Amino acid sequence: MKLPSKLILASAVLMFSNAAFAADSYKIDPVHTWVNFTVSHGGWAAASGQFRTVSGEILFDADELTKSSVKVEIDASSVDTNNQARDQHLSSPDFFNSAEFPKITFESTSIEKTGDNTGTITGDLSMLGVSKPVTLNVTFNKSDDRKVGFSAVGELTPSDFGMAKVAGFGMGPNVKFTVEVEASK
């Protein structure tokens, strides 16, 4: 029995469509997302802060994790260290230079599974006009039919991005960061 060519074409389109769109798309919920950082303050204590304005998109394929991706955008001027004068200084050209470089972005380049609910996400972090690869250790927390949740930790060296004054202020040399994300369909 010979199948009509339109039926074959329609079947091929459906199969391709299902394969291409297996990942679910989620928008990062800015009200339930935290990007926190800590940096040594001359060995006395860990100075900490967060970025208050975060947005982005997650494509998540639980069955084929390597087909997943993450894009995040952070408003550099939304830095909050619980001290207005310090936050203004961090937004200045000495540090984030948020007037000239208003966004910090992260875009994944690879994702791999390391355990039942853990993995690594490597991607390009861009700030101050410099892009460098950064790897995050990620834990998949939970999902349902409308949202997902993840926790991630990473570390970076500010001078790699041209932020030399961090060490000059007796801080660092590395900054540790944590990300808590809830994202909705």
N, C-alpha and C. Protein backbone atom coordinates (compact mmCIF):
# COMPACT_ATOMS: atom_id res chain seq x y z
N MET A 1 0.85 -1.17 0.00
CA MET A 1 0.00 0.00 0.00
C MET A 1 0.90 1.24 0.00
N LYS A 2 0.64 2.13 -0.90
CA LYS A 2 1.44 3.34 -1.04
C LYS A 2 0.75 4.49 -0.30
N LEU A 3 1.51 5.17 0.60
CA LEU A 3 0.96 6.29 1.35
C LEU A 3 1.03 7.56 0.51
N PRO A 4 0.01 8.39 0.61
CA PRO A 4 0.03 9.65 -0.12
C PRO A 4 1.20 10.51 0.35
N SER A 5 1.82 11.24 -0.57
CA SER A 5 3.00 12.05 -0.24
C SER A 5 2.69 13.13 0.78
N LYS A 6 1.47 13.67 0.79
CA LYS A 6 1.11 14.70 1.79
C LYS A 6 1.10 14.11 3.19
N LEU A 7 0.65 12.87 3.34
CA LEU A 7 0.63 12.21 4.64
C LEU A 7 2.06 11.95 5.12
N ILE A 8 2.93 11.52 4.22
CA ILE A 8 4.33 11.28 4.58
C ILE A 8 4.98 12.59 5.00
N LEU A 9 4.74 13.66 4.24
CA LEU A 9 5.31 14.96 4.57
C LEU A 9 4.80 15.46 5.92
N ALA A 10 3.50 15.33 6.17
CA ALA A 10 2.93 15.77 7.44
C ALA A 10 3.52 14.98 8.60
N SER A 11 3.70 13.67 8.43
CA SER A 11 4.29 12.84 9.49
C SER A 11 5.73 13.27 9.77
N ALA A 12 6.48 13.53 8.71
CA ALA A 12 7.88 13.97 8.88
C ALA A 12 7.95 15.30 9.61
N VAL A 13 7.06 16.23 9.26
CA VAL A 13 7.03 17.54 9.93
C VAL A 13 6.70 17.38 11.41
N LEU A 14 5.73 16.53 11.74
CA LEU A 14 5.37 16.31 13.14
C LEU A 14 6.52 15.68 13.92
N MET A 15 7.18 14.69 13.32
CA MET A 15 8.31 14.05 14.01
C MET A 15 9.43 15.06 14.24
N PHE A 16 9.74 15.87 13.23
CA PHE A 16 10.80 16.86 13.37
C PHE A 16 10.40 17.91 14.42
N SER A 17 9.15 18.34 14.40
CA SER A 17 8.68 19.35 15.35
C SER A 17 8.81 18.85 16.78
N ASN A 18 8.40 17.62 17.03
CA ASN A 18 8.49 17.08 18.39
C ASN A 18 9.93 16.96 18.84
N ALA A 19 10.83 16.57 17.94
CA ALA A 19 12.24 16.43 18.31
C ALA A 19 12.86 17.79 18.57
N ALA A 20 12.51 18.78 17.78
CA ALA A 20 13.13 20.10 17.90
C ALA A 20 12.62 20.87 19.11
N PHE A 21 11.46 20.54 19.60
CA PHE A 21 10.86 21.31 20.69
C PHE A 21 10.66 20.47 21.94
N ALA A 22 11.54 19.51 22.18
CA ALA A 22 11.41 18.67 23.37
C ALA A 22 11.70 19.46 24.64
N ALA A 23 12.54 20.48 24.56
CA ALA A 23 12.87 21.28 25.74
C ALA A 23 11.73 22.24 26.05
N ASP A 24 11.41 22.36 27.34
CA ASP A 24 10.39 23.31 27.78
C ASP A 24 11.04 24.67 28.02
N SER A 25 10.33 25.73 27.70
CA SER A 25 10.84 27.08 27.85
C SER A 25 10.30 27.71 29.13
N TYR A 26 11.19 28.29 29.92
CA TYR A 26 10.83 28.92 31.18
C TYR A 26 11.44 30.32 31.24
N LYS A 27 10.71 31.25 31.79
CA LYS A 27 11.20 32.60 32.06
C LYS A 27 11.62 32.66 33.53
N ILE A 28 12.79 33.24 33.76
CA ILE A 28 13.26 33.39 35.13
C ILE A 28 12.33 34.34 35.88
N ASP A 29 11.90 33.91 37.04
CA ASP A 29 11.00 34.72 37.88
C ASP A 29 11.86 35.65 38.74
N PRO A 30 11.87 36.95 38.43
CA PRO A 30 12.75 37.87 39.16
C PRO A 30 12.41 38.01 40.64
N VAL A 31 11.20 37.71 41.02
CA VAL A 31 10.79 37.82 42.43
C VAL A 31 11.29 36.63 43.24
N HIS A 32 11.56 35.51 42.56
CA HIS A 32 12.01 34.29 43.23
C HIS A 32 13.38 33.84 42.73
N THR A 33 14.23 34.81 42.42
CA THR A 33 15.59 34.52 41.96
C THR A 33 16.56 35.43 42.71
N TRP A 34 17.66 34.83 43.17
CA TRP A 34 18.66 35.56 43.91
C TRP A 34 20.04 35.26 43.34
N VAL A 35 20.79 36.31 43.04
CA VAL A 35 22.19 36.19 42.63
C VAL A 35 23.01 36.87 43.73
N ASN A 36 23.67 36.06 44.54
CA ASN A 36 24.43 36.54 45.69
C ASN A 36 25.92 36.33 45.47
N PHE A 37 26.74 37.15 46.11
CA PHE A 37 28.18 37.00 45.99
C PHE A 37 28.85 37.27 47.32
N THR A 38 30.02 36.66 47.50
CA THR A 38 30.86 36.93 48.66
C THR A 38 32.30 37.07 48.19
N VAL A 39 33.04 37.94 48.88
CA VAL A 39 34.44 38.16 48.57
C VAL A 39 35.17 38.46 49.88
N SER A 40 36.36 37.93 50.03
CA SER A 40 37.14 38.18 51.24
C SER A 40 37.44 39.68 51.35
N HIS A 41 37.22 40.21 52.53
CA HIS A 41 37.53 41.61 52.79
C HIS A 41 38.79 41.66 53.63
N GLY A 42 39.93 41.49 52.94
CA GLY A 42 41.22 41.55 53.62
C GLY A 42 41.43 40.45 54.64
N GLY A 43 40.68 39.38 54.54
CA GLY A 43 40.80 38.28 55.49
C GLY A 43 40.00 38.47 56.77
N TRP A 44 39.40 39.65 56.94
CA TRP A 44 38.64 39.92 58.16
C TRP A 44 37.30 39.20 58.17
N ALA A 45 36.61 39.28 57.06
CA ALA A 45 35.28 38.66 56.94
C ALA A 45 34.95 38.59 55.45
N ALA A 46 33.93 37.86 55.14
CA ALA A 46 33.46 37.80 53.76
C ALA A 46 32.44 38.91 53.56
N ALA A 47 32.77 39.85 52.68
CA ALA A 47 31.80 40.89 52.32
C ALA A 47 30.82 40.25 51.34
N SER A 48 29.56 40.59 51.47
CA SER A 48 28.57 39.94 50.60
C SER A 48 27.57 40.95 50.05
N GLY A 49 26.91 40.52 49.02
CA GLY A 49 25.89 41.35 48.39
C GLY A 49 25.10 40.53 47.41
N GLN A 50 24.25 41.22 46.69
CA GLN A 50 23.42 40.56 45.69
C GLN A 50 23.06 41.53 44.58
N PHE A 51 22.58 40.98 43.50
CA PHE A 51 22.01 41.78 42.41
C PHE A 51 20.51 41.61 42.49
N ARG A 52 19.80 42.72 42.52
CA ARG A 52 18.34 42.69 42.72
C ARG A 52 17.54 42.53 41.43
N THR A 53 18.13 42.85 40.27
CA THR A 53 17.38 42.80 39.02
C THR A 53 17.99 41.77 38.08
N VAL A 54 17.27 40.64 37.93
CA VAL A 54 17.74 39.51 37.14
C VAL A 54 16.60 39.05 36.24
N SER A 55 16.94 38.73 34.98
CA SER A 55 15.94 38.17 34.06
C SER A 55 16.62 37.13 33.19
N GLY A 56 15.83 36.39 32.44
CA GLY A 56 16.42 35.42 31.53
C GLY A 56 15.47 34.31 31.16
N GLU A 57 16.03 33.34 30.46
CA GLU A 57 15.24 32.22 29.95
C GLU A 57 16.03 30.92 30.13
N ILE A 58 15.30 29.88 30.45
CA ILE A 58 15.87 28.54 30.57
C ILE A 58 15.11 27.63 29.62
N LEU A 59 15.83 26.93 28.76
CA LEU A 59 15.25 25.84 27.98
C LEU A 59 15.72 24.57 28.69
N PHE A 60 14.76 23.77 29.16
CA PHE A 60 15.10 22.61 29.98
C PHE A 60 14.50 21.36 29.40
N ASP A 61 15.37 20.42 29.06
CA ASP A 61 14.96 19.11 28.56
C ASP A 61 15.48 18.08 29.56
N ALA A 62 14.61 17.62 30.45
CA ALA A 62 15.00 16.70 31.51
C ALA A 62 15.49 15.37 30.95
N ASP A 63 14.98 14.97 29.80
CA ASP A 63 15.37 13.69 29.20
C ASP A 63 16.69 13.77 28.45
N GLU A 64 17.00 14.92 27.88
CA GLU A 64 18.21 15.12 27.08
C GLU A 64 18.84 16.43 27.53
N LEU A 65 19.47 16.38 28.70
CA LEU A 65 20.00 17.59 29.36
C LEU A 65 20.91 18.41 28.46
N THR A 66 21.65 17.76 27.58
CA THR A 66 22.58 18.49 26.71
C THR A 66 21.84 19.41 25.74
N LYS A 67 20.54 19.22 25.57
CA LYS A 67 19.74 20.10 24.71
C LYS A 67 19.18 21.30 25.47
N SER A 68 19.50 21.39 26.74
CA SER A 68 19.04 22.50 27.56
C SER A 68 19.97 23.70 27.39
N SER A 69 19.47 24.89 27.77
CA SER A 69 20.31 26.09 27.71
C SER A 69 19.81 27.13 28.71
N VAL A 70 20.69 28.08 28.99
CA VAL A 70 20.38 29.14 29.96
C VAL A 70 20.89 30.47 29.42
N LYS A 71 20.06 31.51 29.53
CA LYS A 71 20.47 32.88 29.22
C LYS A 71 20.01 33.75 30.39
N VAL A 72 20.95 34.52 30.95
CA VAL A 72 20.64 35.37 32.10
C VAL A 72 21.16 36.78 31.83
N GLU A 73 20.38 37.76 32.28
CA GLU A 73 20.80 39.16 32.20
C GLU A 73 20.61 39.79 33.57
N ILE A 74 21.67 40.46 34.03
CA ILE A 74 21.66 41.11 35.35
C ILE A 74 21.89 42.60 35.14
N ASP A 75 21.09 43.41 35.80
CA ASP A 75 21.28 44.85 35.79
C ASP A 75 22.43 45.17 36.74
N ALA A 76 23.58 45.61 36.19
CA ALA A 76 24.78 45.85 37.00
C ALA A 76 24.55 46.90 38.09
N SER A 77 23.66 47.85 37.84
CA SER A 77 23.42 48.90 38.83
C SER A 77 22.51 48.44 39.97
N SER A 78 22.01 47.20 39.89
CA SER A 78 21.12 46.70 40.95
C SER A 78 21.90 46.05 42.08
N VAL A 79 23.23 46.24 42.11
CA VAL A 79 24.05 45.68 43.18
C VAL A 79 23.60 46.24 44.53
N ASP A 80 23.50 45.36 45.52
CA ASP A 80 23.02 45.75 46.84
C ASP A 80 23.88 45.05 47.89
N THR A 81 24.64 45.85 48.66
CA THR A 81 25.49 45.32 49.73
C THR A 81 25.04 45.81 51.10
N ASN A 82 23.84 46.32 51.15
CA ASN A 82 23.27 46.84 52.40
C ASN A 82 23.96 48.13 52.85
N ASN A 83 24.57 48.84 51.89
CA ASN A 83 25.20 50.12 52.19
C ASN A 83 25.16 50.96 50.92
N GLN A 84 24.37 52.02 50.93
CA GLN A 84 24.14 52.81 49.72
C GLN A 84 25.43 53.42 49.16
N ALA A 85 26.30 53.93 50.01
CA ALA A 85 27.56 54.53 49.53
C ALA A 85 28.43 53.48 48.86
N ARG A 86 28.52 52.29 49.45
CA ARG A 86 29.31 51.21 48.86
C ARG A 86 28.70 50.76 47.53
N ASP A 87 27.36 50.68 47.48
CA ASP A 87 26.69 50.28 46.24
C ASP A 87 26.97 51.28 45.11
N GLN A 88 26.96 52.57 45.44
CA GLN A 88 27.27 53.59 44.43
C GLN A 88 28.72 53.45 43.96
N HIS A 89 29.63 53.17 44.90
CA HIS A 89 31.02 52.98 44.52
C HIS A 89 31.18 51.73 43.63
N LEU A 90 30.47 50.66 43.97
CA LEU A 90 30.53 49.45 43.15
C LEU A 90 29.96 49.67 41.75
N SER A 91 29.03 50.59 41.61
CA SER A 91 28.47 50.91 40.29
C SER A 91 29.37 51.84 39.49
N SER A 92 30.38 52.42 40.14
CA SER A 92 31.26 53.40 39.49
C SER A 92 32.27 52.71 38.56
N PRO A 93 33.04 53.51 37.80
CA PRO A 93 34.08 52.95 36.93
C PRO A 93 35.16 52.15 37.69
N ASP A 94 35.28 52.34 39.01
CA ASP A 94 36.23 51.55 39.78
C ASP A 94 35.89 50.06 39.79
N PHE A 95 34.60 49.74 39.62
CA PHE A 95 34.17 48.35 39.72
C PHE A 95 33.30 47.96 38.52
N PHE A 96 31.97 47.96 38.67
CA PHE A 96 31.08 47.48 37.60
C PHE A 96 30.87 48.47 36.47
N ASN A 97 31.16 49.74 36.69
CA ASN A 97 30.99 50.77 35.66
C ASN A 97 29.63 50.60 34.96
N SER A 98 28.58 50.60 35.75
CA SER A 98 27.25 50.29 35.23
C SER A 98 26.70 51.34 34.28
N ALA A 99 27.23 52.56 34.29
CA ALA A 99 26.78 53.56 33.32
C ALA A 99 27.23 53.18 31.91
N GLU A 100 28.46 52.70 31.78
CA GLU A 100 28.97 52.32 30.46
C GLU A 100 28.63 50.86 30.10
N PHE A 101 28.56 50.00 31.11
CA PHE A 101 28.27 48.57 30.90
C PHE A 101 27.10 48.17 31.79
N PRO A 102 25.87 48.51 31.38
CA PRO A 102 24.72 48.33 32.26
C PRO A 102 24.30 46.88 32.51
N LYS A 103 24.73 45.95 31.67
CA LYS A 103 24.28 44.56 31.80
C LYS A 103 25.44 43.61 32.02
N ILE A 104 25.20 42.64 32.86
CA ILE A 104 26.07 41.47 33.02
C ILE A 104 25.26 40.32 32.44
N THR A 105 25.85 39.54 31.55
CA THR A 105 25.11 38.45 30.91
C THR A 105 25.84 37.13 31.07
N PHE A 106 25.06 36.07 31.04
CA PHE A 106 25.59 34.71 31.04
C PHE A 106 24.80 33.92 30.01
N GLU A 107 25.51 33.23 29.12
CA GLU A 107 24.85 32.38 28.13
C GLU A 107 25.58 31.04 28.10
N SER A 108 24.82 29.98 28.37
CA SER A 108 25.44 28.66 28.44
C SER A 108 25.97 28.21 27.09
N THR A 109 27.07 27.46 27.15
CA THR A 109 27.64 26.85 25.94
C THR A 109 27.60 25.33 26.03
N SER A 110 27.53 24.78 27.26
CA SER A 110 27.38 23.33 27.42
C SER A 110 26.80 23.03 28.80
N ILE A 111 26.05 21.95 28.84
CA ILE A 111 25.46 21.49 30.09
C ILE A 111 25.68 19.99 30.15
N GLU A 112 26.18 19.52 31.29
CA GLU A 112 26.33 18.08 31.43
C GLU A 112 25.86 17.61 32.79
N LYS A 113 25.35 16.41 32.80
CA LYS A 113 24.83 15.79 34.02
C LYS A 113 25.99 15.16 34.78
N THR A 114 26.03 15.36 36.11
CA THR A 114 27.08 14.77 36.93
C THR A 114 26.52 13.82 37.98
N GLY A 115 25.22 13.83 38.20
CA GLY A 115 24.58 12.97 39.19
C GLY A 115 23.08 12.95 38.94
N ASP A 116 22.33 12.33 39.84
CA ASP A 116 20.88 12.22 39.67
C ASP A 116 20.20 13.57 39.53
N ASN A 117 20.62 14.55 40.32
CA ASN A 117 20.01 15.88 40.24
C ASN A 117 21.07 16.98 40.22
N THR A 118 22.27 16.65 39.73
CA THR A 118 23.35 17.63 39.66
C THR A 118 23.96 17.68 38.27
N GLY A 119 24.62 18.79 37.99
CA GLY A 119 25.29 18.94 36.71
C GLY A 119 26.19 20.16 36.72
N THR A 120 26.80 20.40 35.58
CA THR A 120 27.60 21.61 35.40
C THR A 120 27.07 22.36 34.19
N ILE A 121 27.10 23.66 34.31
CA ILE A 121 26.75 24.53 33.19
C ILE A 121 27.97 25.40 32.94
N THR A 122 28.51 25.30 31.74
CA THR A 122 29.60 26.18 31.33
C THR A 122 29.02 27.18 30.35
N GLY A 123 29.46 28.41 30.48
CA GLY A 123 28.95 29.44 29.59
C GLY A 123 29.83 30.66 29.58
N ASP A 124 29.46 31.61 28.75
CA ASP A 124 30.20 32.85 28.63
C ASP A 124 29.57 33.90 29.53
N LEU A 125 30.36 34.37 30.50
CA LEU A 125 29.96 35.46 31.38
C LEU A 125 30.56 36.73 30.79
N SER A 126 29.72 37.73 30.58
CA SER A 126 30.17 39.00 30.01
C SER A 126 29.87 40.14 30.97
N MET A 127 30.92 40.89 31.31
CA MET A 127 30.75 42.11 32.08
C MET A 127 31.93 43.02 31.78
N LEU A 128 31.68 44.30 31.87
CA LEU A 128 32.69 45.32 31.58
C LEU A 128 33.29 45.15 30.18
N GLY A 129 32.50 44.63 29.24
CA GLY A 129 32.95 44.47 27.87
C GLY A 129 33.87 43.29 27.65
N VAL A 130 34.01 42.41 28.65
CA VAL A 130 34.88 41.24 28.55
C VAL A 130 34.02 39.99 28.74
N SER A 131 34.25 38.98 27.90
CA SER A 131 33.57 37.69 28.03
C SER A 131 34.59 36.62 28.37
N LYS A 132 34.26 35.82 29.37
CA LYS A 132 35.13 34.72 29.79
C LYS A 132 34.25 33.51 30.12
N PRO A 133 34.78 32.31 29.90
CA PRO A 133 34.03 31.12 30.28
C PRO A 133 34.00 30.95 31.80
N VAL A 134 32.84 30.56 32.31
CA VAL A 134 32.64 30.30 33.73
C VAL A 134 31.84 29.01 33.84
N THR A 135 32.20 28.17 34.81
CA THR A 135 31.47 26.92 35.03
C THR A 135 30.75 26.98 36.37
N LEU A 136 29.48 26.61 36.36
CA LEU A 136 28.65 26.59 37.56
C LEU A 136 28.34 25.14 37.92
N ASN A 137 28.38 24.83 39.20
CA ASN A 137 27.89 23.54 39.68
C ASN A 137 26.43 23.74 40.04
N VAL A 138 25.56 22.93 39.44
CA VAL A 138 24.13 23.16 39.53
C VAL A 138 23.42 21.96 40.17
N THR A 139 22.43 22.28 40.99
CA THR A 139 21.55 21.27 41.55
C THR A 139 20.14 21.54 41.06
N PHE A 140 19.52 20.52 40.47
CA PHE A 140 18.12 20.60 40.07
C PHE A 140 17.30 20.33 41.33
N ASN A 141 16.47 21.30 41.73
CA ASN A 141 15.73 21.19 42.98
C ASN A 141 14.36 20.55 42.81
N LYS A 142 13.59 21.04 41.82
CA LYS A 142 12.20 20.59 41.75
C LYS A 142 11.57 21.10 40.46
N SER A 143 10.57 20.39 39.99
CA SER A 143 9.77 20.88 38.86
C SER A 143 8.35 20.35 38.99
N ASP A 144 7.44 21.06 38.35
CA ASP A 144 6.08 20.57 38.19
C ASP A 144 5.63 20.98 36.80
N ASP A 145 4.36 20.96 36.52
CA ASP A 145 3.89 21.24 35.16
C ASP A 145 3.98 22.72 34.78
N ARG A 146 4.39 23.59 35.71
CA ARG A 146 4.47 25.02 35.37
C ARG A 146 5.77 25.71 35.72
N LYS A 147 6.62 25.11 36.61
CA LYS A 147 7.87 25.79 36.92
C LYS A 147 8.96 24.81 37.34
N VAL A 148 10.21 25.34 37.35
CA VAL A 148 11.39 24.58 37.76
C VAL A 148 12.21 25.42 38.74
N GLY A 149 13.04 24.75 39.53
CA GLY A 149 13.92 25.43 40.46
C GLY A 149 15.31 24.83 40.45
N PHE A 150 16.32 25.70 40.49
CA PHE A 150 17.72 25.28 40.47
C PHE A 150 18.52 26.10 41.48
N SER A 151 19.62 25.51 41.96
CA SER A 151 20.61 26.21 42.76
C SER A 151 21.94 26.04 42.06
N ALA A 152 22.77 27.09 42.05
CA ALA A 152 24.07 27.01 41.38
C ALA A 152 25.11 27.75 42.19
N VAL A 153 26.36 27.29 42.11
CA VAL A 153 27.48 27.96 42.74
C VAL A 153 28.62 28.06 41.73
N GLY A 154 29.40 29.12 41.86
CA GLY A 154 30.54 29.31 40.98
C GLY A 154 31.52 30.28 41.60
N GLU A 155 32.59 30.53 40.86
CA GLU A 155 33.63 31.43 41.33
C GLU A 155 34.26 32.11 40.13
N LEU A 156 34.66 33.36 40.32
CA LEU A 156 35.34 34.09 39.25
C LEU A 156 36.40 35.00 39.86
N THR A 157 37.30 35.44 39.00
CA THR A 157 38.35 36.37 39.41
C THR A 157 38.06 37.71 38.75
N PRO A 158 37.69 38.75 39.53
CA PRO A 158 37.31 40.04 38.95
C PRO A 158 38.35 40.65 38.02
N SER A 159 39.64 40.46 38.33
CA SER A 159 40.67 41.05 37.48
C SER A 159 40.66 40.45 36.07
N ASP A 160 40.13 39.22 35.91
CA ASP A 160 39.99 38.62 34.58
C ASP A 160 39.06 39.44 33.69
N PHE A 161 38.19 40.22 34.31
CA PHE A 161 37.22 41.04 33.59
C PHE A 161 37.63 42.52 33.59
N GLY A 162 38.85 42.80 34.02
CA GLY A 162 39.34 44.18 34.03
C GLY A 162 39.01 44.94 35.30
N MET A 163 38.54 44.25 36.32
CA MET A 163 38.17 44.90 37.57
C MET A 163 39.34 44.80 38.55
N ALA A 164 40.41 45.54 38.28
CA ALA A 164 41.64 45.44 39.05
C ALA A 164 41.53 46.04 40.45
N LYS A 165 40.58 46.93 40.67
CA LYS A 165 40.51 47.62 41.96
C LYS A 165 40.02 46.72 43.09
N VAL A 166 39.47 45.56 42.79
CA VAL A 166 39.03 44.65 43.85
C VAL A 166 40.23 44.29 44.72
N ALA A 167 41.31 43.84 44.09
CA ALA A 167 42.52 43.49 44.84
C ALA A 167 43.13 44.73 45.49
N GLY A 168 43.04 45.87 44.81
CA GLY A 168 43.57 47.12 45.35
C GLY A 168 42.88 47.56 46.64
N PHE A 169 41.65 47.12 46.82
CA PHE A 169 40.92 47.44 48.04
C PHE A 169 41.07 46.33 49.09
N GLY A 170 42.03 45.42 48.86
CA GLY A 170 42.27 44.35 49.83
C GLY A 170 41.21 43.27 49.80
N MET A 171 40.53 43.15 48.68
CA MET A 171 39.46 42.16 48.57
C MET A 171 39.88 41.06 47.61
N GLY A 172 39.26 39.91 47.77
CA GLY A 172 39.46 38.83 46.82
C GLY A 172 40.59 37.90 47.23
N PRO A 173 41.25 37.31 46.26
CA PRO A 173 41.23 37.69 44.85
C PRO A 173 40.03 37.15 44.07
N ASN A 174 39.33 36.16 44.62
CA ASN A 174 38.20 35.58 43.89
C ASN A 174 36.88 35.96 44.55
N VAL A 175 35.84 35.91 43.73
CA VAL A 175 34.49 36.16 44.20
C VAL A 175 33.71 34.86 44.04
N LYS A 176 33.08 34.43 45.11
CA LYS A 176 32.21 33.25 45.06
C LYS A 176 30.79 33.75 44.89
N PHE A 177 30.01 33.03 44.10
CA PHE A 177 28.63 33.44 43.92
C PHE A 177 27.69 32.25 43.96
N THR A 178 26.48 32.53 44.39
CA THR A 178 25.42 31.52 44.41
C THR A 178 24.22 32.09 43.66
N VAL A 179 23.51 31.21 43.02
CA VAL A 179 22.32 31.60 42.28
C VAL A 179 21.20 30.67 42.68
N GLU A 180 20.08 31.24 43.09
CA GLU A 180 18.87 30.48 43.38
C GLU A 180 17.82 30.94 42.38
N VAL A 181 17.31 30.01 41.57
CA VAL A 181 16.43 30.37 40.46
C VAL A 181 15.14 29.58 40.51
N GLU A 182 14.04 30.29 40.37
CA GLU A 182 12.75 29.69 40.04
C GLU A 182 12.36 30.28 38.69
N ALA A 183 11.87 29.43 37.81
CA ALA A 183 11.48 29.88 36.48
C ALA A 183 10.14 29.26 36.12
N SER A 184 9.30 30.01 35.42
CA SER A 184 7.94 29.57 35.09
C SER A 184 7.72 29.51 33.58
N LYS A 185 6.85 28.58 33.18
CA LYS A 185 6.50 28.46 31.76
C LYS A 185 5.70 29.66 31.33
